[in-house]
C-alpha atoms as a PDB file:
ATOM      1  CA  UNK A   1      29.105 -36.290  30.543  1.00  0.00           C
ATOM      2  CA  UNK A   2      26.317 -35.781  29.017  1.00  0.00           C
ATOM      3  CA  UNK A   3      23.972 -36.612  32.248  1.00  0.00           C
ATOM      4  CA  UNK A   4      26.033 -33.987  34.005  1.00  0.00           C
ATOM      5  CA  UNK A   5      25.756 -31.386  31.664  1.00  0.00           C
ATOM      6  CA  UNK A   6      21.798 -31.950  31.546  1.00  0.00           C
ATOM      7  CA  UNK A   7      22.331 -31.974  35.455  1.00  0.00           C
ATOM      8  CA  UNK A   8      24.009 -28.582  35.467  1.00  0.00           C
ATOM      9  CA  UNK A   9      21.043 -27.287  32.943  1.00  0.00           C
ATOM     10  CA  UNK A  10      18.381 -28.265  34.952  1.00  0.00           C
ATOM     11  CA  UNK A  11      20.079 -26.553  38.136  1.00  0.00           C
ATOM     12  CA  UNK A  12      19.928 -23.371  35.845  1.00  0.00           C
ATOM     13  CA  UNK A  13      16.841 -23.893  34.654  1.00  0.00           C
ATOM     14  CA  UNK A  14      14.970 -24.332  38.251  1.00  0.00           C
ATOM     15  CA  UNK A  15      17.073 -21.438  39.455  1.00  0.00           C
ATOM     16  CA  UNK A  16      15.652 -18.874  36.743  1.00  0.00           C
ATOM     17  CA  UNK A  17      14.078 -15.626  37.834  1.00  0.00           C
ATOM     18  CA  UNK A  18      13.752 -14.010  34.279  1.00  0.00           C
ATOM     19  CA  UNK A  19      10.222 -13.586  34.798  1.00  0.00           C
ATOM     20  CA  UNK A  20      10.065 -12.870  38.454  1.00  0.00           C
ATOM     21  CA  UNK A  21       8.407  -9.172  38.219  1.00  0.00           C
ATOM     22  CA  UNK A  22       5.657 -10.554  35.976  1.00  0.00           C
ATOM     23  CA  UNK A  23       4.709 -13.533  38.051  1.00  0.00           C
ATOM     24  CA  UNK A  24       1.787 -13.582  40.483  1.00  0.00           C
ATOM     25  CA  UNK A  25       3.572 -15.966  42.462  1.00  0.00           C
ATOM     26  CA  UNK A  26       7.407 -16.558  43.496  1.00  0.00           C
ATOM     27  CA  UNK A  27       9.339 -18.585  40.392  1.00  0.00           C
ATOM     28  CA  UNK A  28       9.474 -21.974  40.790  1.00  0.00           C
ATOM     29  CA  UNK A  29      10.320 -23.401  37.103  1.00  0.00           C
ATOM     30  CA  UNK A  30       9.237 -27.227  36.791  1.00  0.00           C
ATOM     31  CA  UNK A  31      10.689 -29.498  34.599  1.00  0.00           C
ATOM     32  CA  UNK A  32      11.435 -32.944  34.603  1.00  0.00           C
ATOM     33  CA  UNK A  33      14.378 -34.917  32.275  1.00  0.00           C
ATOM     34  CA  UNK A  34      16.985 -37.332  32.294  1.00  0.00           C
ATOM     35  CA  UNK A  35      19.324 -37.972  29.004  1.00  0.00           C
ATOM     36  CA  UNK A  36      17.986 -41.625  28.627  1.00  0.00           C
ATOM     37  CA  UNK A  37      13.983 -40.145  28.541  1.00  0.00           C
ATOM     38  CA  UNK A  38      12.497 -41.596  25.292  1.00  0.00           C
ATOM     39  CA  UNK A  39       9.308 -39.676  25.580  1.00  0.00           C
ATOM     40  CA  UNK A  40       9.030 -35.766  25.777  1.00  0.00           C
ATOM     41  CA  UNK A  41       5.946 -34.149  26.718  1.00  0.00           C
ATOM     42  CA  UNK A  42       5.717 -30.335  25.857  1.00  0.00           C
ATOM     43  CA  UNK A  43       2.993 -28.913  27.608  1.00  0.00           C
ATOM     44  CA  UNK A  44       1.488 -25.224  28.649  1.00  0.00           C
ATOM     45  CA  UNK A  45       2.527 -24.071  31.920  1.00  0.00           C
ATOM     46  CA  UNK A  46       2.022 -24.959  35.568  1.00  0.00           C
ATOM     47  CA  UNK A  47      -0.940 -24.589  37.420  1.00  0.00           C
ATOM     48  CA  UNK A  48      -1.457 -23.452  40.971  1.00  0.00           C
ATOM     49  CA  UNK A  49      -1.844 -26.956  42.189  1.00  0.00           C
ATOM     50  CA  UNK A  50       1.284 -27.767  40.444  1.00  0.00           C
ATOM     51  CA  UNK A  51       3.333 -24.717  41.509  1.00  0.00           C
ATOM     52  CA  UNK A  52       2.336 -25.739  45.230  1.00  0.00           C
ATOM     53  CA  UNK A  53       3.769 -29.323  44.732  1.00  0.00           C
ATOM     54  CA  UNK A  54       6.491 -28.670  42.548  1.00  0.00           C
ATOM     55  CA  UNK A  55       5.340 -31.883  40.408  1.00  0.00           C
ATOM     56  CA  UNK A  56       4.912 -31.454  36.784  1.00  0.00           C
ATOM     57  CA  UNK A  57       1.217 -32.191  35.816  1.00  0.00           C
ATOM     58  CA  UNK A  58       0.291 -33.247  39.354  1.00  0.00           C
ATOM     59  CA  UNK A  59      -3.511 -32.495  39.078  1.00  0.00           C
ATOM     60  CA  UNK A  60      -6.775 -33.541  37.326  1.00  0.00           C
ATOM     61  CA  UNK A  61      -5.137 -32.396  33.770  1.00  0.00           C
ATOM     62  CA  UNK A  62      -2.236 -34.708  34.259  1.00  0.00           C
ATOM     63  CA  UNK A  63      -4.502 -37.573  35.874  1.00  0.00           C
ATOM     64  CA  UNK A  64      -6.207 -37.289  32.196  1.00  0.00           C
ATOM     65  CA  UNK A  65      -3.067 -37.007  30.444  1.00  0.00           C
ATOM     66  CA  UNK A  66      -1.478 -40.480  31.907  1.00  0.00           C
ATOM     67  CA  UNK A  67      -5.034 -42.284  31.387  1.00  0.00           C
ATOM     68  CA  UNK A  68      -4.780 -40.828  27.705  1.00  0.00           C
ATOM     69  CA  UNK A  69      -0.940 -42.133  27.299  1.00  0.00           C
ATOM     70  CA  UNK A  70      -1.706 -45.360  29.513  1.00  0.00           C
ATOM     71  CA  UNK A  71       1.040 -44.471  31.728  1.00  0.00           C
ATOM     72  CA  UNK A  72       0.922 -44.884  35.512  1.00  0.00           C
ATOM     73  CA  UNK A  73       2.277 -42.474  37.703  1.00  0.00           C
ATOM     74  CA  UNK A  74       5.537 -44.522  38.463  1.00  0.00           C
ATOM     75  CA  UNK A  75       6.283 -44.509  34.801  1.00  0.00           C
ATOM     76  CA  UNK A  76       5.101 -40.944  33.839  1.00  0.00           C
ATOM     77  CA  UNK A  77       7.550 -39.638  37.063  1.00  0.00           C
ATOM     78  CA  UNK A  78      10.387 -41.366  36.075  1.00  0.00           C
ATOM     79  CA  UNK A  79      12.511 -38.867  34.139  1.00  0.00           C
ATOM     80  CA  UNK A  80      14.782 -41.726  32.904  1.00  0.00           C
ATOM     81  CA  UNK A  81      11.601 -42.466  30.723  1.00  0.00           C
ATOM     82  CA  UNK A  82       9.545 -39.245  30.566  1.00  0.00           C
ATOM     83  CA  UNK A  83      11.084 -35.680  30.352  1.00  0.00           C
ATOM     84  CA  UNK A  84       8.405 -33.120  30.999  1.00  0.00           C
ATOM     85  CA  UNK A  85       8.958 -29.567  29.387  1.00  0.00           C
ATOM     86  CA  UNK A  86       6.388 -27.042  29.500  1.00  0.00           C
ATOM     87  CA  UNK A  87       6.343 -23.835  27.174  1.00  0.00           C
ATOM     88  CA  UNK A  88       6.302 -21.901  30.099  1.00  0.00           C
ATOM     89  CA  UNK A  89       8.264 -23.042  33.535  1.00  0.00           C
ATOM     90  CA  UNK A  90       6.244 -21.108  36.165  1.00  0.00           C
ATOM     91  CA  UNK A  91       2.611 -20.414  36.907  1.00  0.00           C
ATOM     92  CA  UNK A  92       1.434 -17.484  34.670  1.00  0.00           C
ATOM     93  CA  UNK A  93      -1.074 -16.283  36.746  1.00  0.00           C
ATOM     94  CA  UNK A  94      -4.756 -15.677  35.381  1.00  0.00           C
ATOM     95  CA  UNK A  95      -6.543 -13.750  33.053  1.00  0.00           C
ATOM     96  CA  UNK A  96      -9.831 -11.721  33.306  1.00  0.00           C
ATOM     97  CA  UNK A  97     -12.302 -14.603  32.638  1.00  0.00           C
ATOM     98  CA  UNK A  98     -10.907 -17.004  35.264  1.00  0.00           C
ATOM     99  CA  UNK A  99      -9.018 -19.325  33.270  1.00  0.00           C
ATOM    100  CA  UNK A 100      -4.703 -19.572  33.536  1.00  0.00           C
ATOM    101  CA  UNK A 101      -2.821 -16.936  31.535  1.00  0.00           C
ATOM    102  CA  UNK A 102      -0.877 -18.286  28.489  1.00  0.00           C
ATOM    103  CA  UNK A 103       2.490 -19.298  29.147  1.00  0.00           C
ATOM    104  CA  UNK A 104       5.713 -16.745  29.547  1.00  0.00           C
ATOM    105  CA  UNK A 105       7.266 -16.223  26.246  1.00  0.00           C
ATOM    106  CA  UNK A 106      10.593 -15.922  27.860  1.00  0.00           C
ATOM    107  CA  UNK A 107      10.952 -19.851  28.724  1.00  0.00           C
ATOM    108  CA  UNK A 108      10.832 -21.565  25.684  1.00  0.00           C
ATOM    109  CA  UNK A 109      13.582 -19.440  23.824  1.00  0.00           C
ATOM    110  CA  UNK A 110      15.534 -19.300  26.794  1.00  0.00           C
ATOM    111  CA  UNK A 111      15.879 -22.612  27.617  1.00  0.00           C
ATOM    112  CA  UNK A 112      14.008 -25.491  25.110  1.00  0.00           C
ATOM    113  CA  UNK A 113      16.834 -25.494  22.664  1.00  0.00           C
ATOM    114  CA  UNK A 114      19.403 -26.354  25.259  1.00  0.00           C
ATOM    115  CA  UNK A 115      17.301 -28.959  27.154  1.00  0.00           C
ATOM    116  CA  UNK A 116      16.122 -30.671  23.702  1.00  0.00           C
ATOM    117  CA  UNK A 117      20.009 -30.794  22.542  1.00  0.00           C
ATOM    118  CA  UNK A 118      20.259 -32.948  25.659  1.00  0.00           C
ATOM    119  CA  UNK A 119      17.613 -35.352  25.296  1.00  0.00           C
ATOM    120  CA  UNK A 120      18.984 -37.344  22.314  1.00  0.00           C
ATOM    121  CA  UNK A 121      17.045 -40.679  23.302  1.00  0.00           C
ATOM    122  CA  UNK A 122      13.801 -39.419  22.598  1.00  0.00           C
ATOM    123  CA  UNK A 123      11.630 -41.035  20.211  1.00  0.00           C
ATOM    124  CA  UNK A 124       8.244 -39.633  20.758  1.00  0.00           C
ATOM    125  CA  UNK A 125       7.190 -36.132  21.601  1.00  0.00           C
ATOM    126  CA  UNK A 126       3.519 -35.157  22.526  1.00  0.00           C
ATOM    127  CA  UNK A 127       2.495 -31.552  21.980  1.00  0.00           C
ATOM    128  CA  UNK A 128      -0.055 -30.689  24.379  1.00  0.00           C
ATOM    129  CA  UNK A 129      -2.226 -27.606  23.612  1.00  0.00           C
ATOM    130  CA  UNK A 130      -2.329 -25.254  21.426  1.00  0.00           C
ATOM    131  CA  UNK A 131       1.021 -23.274  22.561  1.00  0.00           C
ATOM    132  CA  UNK A 132       3.063 -26.470  22.082  1.00  0.00           C
ATOM    133  CA  UNK A 133       1.610 -27.064  18.467  1.00  0.00           C
ATOM    134  CA  UNK A 134       2.079 -23.496  17.418  1.00  0.00           C
ATOM    135  CA  UNK A 135       6.101 -23.853  18.519  1.00  0.00           C
ATOM    136  CA  UNK A 136       6.687 -27.285  17.330  1.00  0.00           C
ATOM    137  CA  UNK A 137       4.038 -29.028  15.160  1.00  0.00           C
ATOM    138  CA  UNK A 138       5.485 -29.221  11.769  1.00  0.00           C
ATOM    139  CA  UNK A 139       3.668 -26.790   9.671  1.00  0.00           C
ATOM    140  CA  UNK A 140       1.162 -26.305  12.285  1.00  0.00           C
ATOM    141  CA  UNK A 141      -1.833 -25.569  10.109  1.00  0.00           C
ATOM    142  CA  UNK A 142      -5.437 -25.608  10.705  1.00  0.00           C
ATOM    143  CA  UNK A 143      -7.582 -25.974  14.042  1.00  0.00           C
ATOM    144  CA  UNK A 144      -6.406 -27.673  16.946  1.00  0.00           C
ATOM    145  CA  UNK A 145      -9.141 -30.264  16.334  1.00  0.00           C
ATOM    146  CA  UNK A 146      -7.526 -30.372  12.860  1.00  0.00           C
ATOM    147  CA  UNK A 147      -4.027 -31.061  14.133  1.00  0.00           C
ATOM    148  CA  UNK A 148      -4.950 -34.021  16.690  1.00  0.00           C
ATOM    149  CA  UNK A 149      -7.172 -35.533  14.091  1.00  0.00           C
ATOM    150  CA  UNK A 150      -4.463 -35.914  11.441  1.00  0.00           C
ATOM    151  CA  UNK A 151      -2.361 -38.132  13.810  1.00  0.00           C
ATOM    152  CA  UNK A 152      -2.122 -41.022  11.130  1.00  0.00           C
ATOM    153  CA  UNK A 153      -1.003 -38.449   8.710  1.00  0.00           C
ATOM    154  CA  UNK A 154       1.408 -36.702  11.090  1.00  0.00           C
ATOM    155  CA  UNK A 155       5.336 -37.984  11.657  1.00  0.00           C
ATOM    156  CA  UNK A 156       5.257 -41.087  13.600  1.00  0.00           C
ATOM    157  CA  UNK A 157       7.535 -39.284  16.373  1.00  0.00           C
ATOM    158  CA  UNK A 158       5.123 -36.247  16.921  1.00  0.00           C
ATOM    159  CA  UNK A 159       1.563 -36.468  18.401  1.00  0.00           C
ATOM    160  CA  UNK A 160      -0.705 -33.385  19.074  1.00  0.00           C
ATOM    161  CA  UNK A 161      -3.173 -33.585  21.716  1.00  0.00           C
ATOM    162  CA  UNK A 162      -5.746 -31.191  23.424  1.00  0.00           C
ATOM    163  CA  UNK A 163      -4.932 -29.756  26.717  1.00  0.00           C
ATOM    164  CA  UNK A 164      -6.149 -32.403  29.097  1.00  0.00           C
ATOM    165  CA  UNK A 165      -8.104 -29.708  31.429  1.00  0.00           C
ATOM    166  CA  UNK A 166     -11.660 -29.772  32.373  1.00  0.00           C
ATOM    167  CA  UNK A 167     -12.838 -28.181  28.743  1.00  0.00           C
ATOM    168  CA  UNK A 168     -11.565 -31.415  26.956  1.00  0.00           C
ATOM    169  CA  UNK A 169     -14.599 -33.521  28.563  1.00  0.00           C
ATOM    170  CA  UNK A 170     -16.917 -31.442  26.187  1.00  0.00           C
ATOM    171  CA  UNK A 171     -14.321 -31.725  23.400  1.00  0.00           C
ATOM    172  CA  UNK A 172     -14.080 -35.357  23.690  1.00  0.00           C
ATOM    173  CA  UNK A 173     -17.952 -35.493  23.667  1.00  0.00           C
ATOM    174  CA  UNK A 174     -18.211 -33.625  20.444  1.00  0.00           C
ATOM    175  CA  UNK A 175     -15.104 -35.874  18.784  1.00  0.00           C
ATOM    176  CA  UNK A 176     -15.936 -39.139  19.812  1.00  0.00           C
ATOM    177  CA  UNK A 177     -13.258 -40.220  17.221  1.00  0.00           C
ATOM    178  CA  UNK A 178     -10.655 -39.105  19.911  1.00  0.00           C
ATOM    179  CA  UNK A 179     -11.252 -42.015  22.073  1.00  0.00           C
ATOM    180  CA  UNK A 180     -11.865 -44.325  19.245  1.00  0.00           C
ATOM    181  CA  UNK A 181      -9.210 -43.664  16.926  1.00  0.00           C
ATOM    182  CA  UNK A 182      -6.381 -41.389  18.594  1.00  0.00           C
ATOM    183  CA  UNK A 183      -6.112 -42.810  21.993  1.00  0.00           C
ATOM    184  CA  UNK A 184      -5.177 -46.469  20.600  1.00  0.00           C
ATOM    185  CA  UNK A 185      -2.673 -44.627  18.215  1.00  0.00           C
ATOM    186  CA  UNK A 186      -1.256 -42.763  21.326  1.00  0.00           C
ATOM    187  CA  UNK A 187      -0.829 -45.444  23.571  1.00  0.00           C
ATOM    188  CA  UNK A 188       0.607 -47.913  21.216  1.00  0.00           C
ATOM    189  CA  UNK A 189       3.363 -45.107  20.076  1.00  0.00           C
ATOM    190  CA  UNK A 190       3.860 -44.307  23.751  1.00  0.00           C
ATOM    191  CA  UNK A 191       4.566 -48.336  24.732  1.00  0.00           C
ATOM    192  CA  UNK A 192       6.967 -48.531  21.362  1.00  0.00           C
ATOM    193  CA  UNK A 193       8.994 -45.339  22.607  1.00  0.00           C
ATOM    194  CA  UNK A 194       9.178 -46.964  26.082  1.00  0.00           C
ATOM    195  CA  UNK A 195      10.520 -50.214  24.726  1.00  0.00           C
ATOM    196  CA  UNK A 196      13.586 -48.475  23.896  1.00  0.00           C
ATOM    197  CA  UNK A 197      13.915 -47.036  27.548  1.00  0.00           C
ATOM    198  CA  UNK A 198      16.498 -48.824  29.715  1.00  0.00           C
ATOM    199  CA  UNK A 199      13.831 -49.832  32.241  1.00  0.00           C
END
C-alpha cells in the first residue's frame, strides 16, 4: 500500500507543470524515491545536463557528491537505498552572472511534505547546499561553512554539505578540515544507514 501510494505520488510530481510559464525549458521534474530508501539527499535543482538526461545528479556535481559519500553509481541510483529530492524539481534557468538560478520556490511547499511522509525508512538526510539547509537544517544558523563544520555537534541523522559544484574545489582548498574531518564521518554515517537497507 505504501509503495502504491508513493508510486502515485511520484507520477504526480513528474507530471507537474505548475511553473511551466516561468521555466526556460519545458517542465521535467526529476526525483528518485522508494519507500525502503534509508538515505535522503535534498539538493538544489537540476542543471541542463540533468534536465537533458532525466537522471538526478548525472553531472560532475553528482560525481563529486558520490565520491564524498563513498557511494558508487549503482548504489546511488538504487531508489531502494537512496532517495533524491531537490528543492526545485525542474531546471530553473540562469541568472545574470551566468550561474544557475535558485530553485523554484513552488516545488518544496507543494511536494516535499507528501514525499517525506512516504519515506519512513530514512535514517540519514544529506542537506546539500544553502537552499536545503535553509529549509531543513535544525536552527540553521551561521554560514554554510559553519554548518558543515558543526557535523560532530549536529544530529546524527542529518548532515549539511556544501554544493558539490566546481566552486567547491576552491572552498575545499580553503577548508582542508572538510576532507580530513567531515568526509570520514559522512562516509561512516552513509555506510551505517545503508546497513539498514534491504539490499
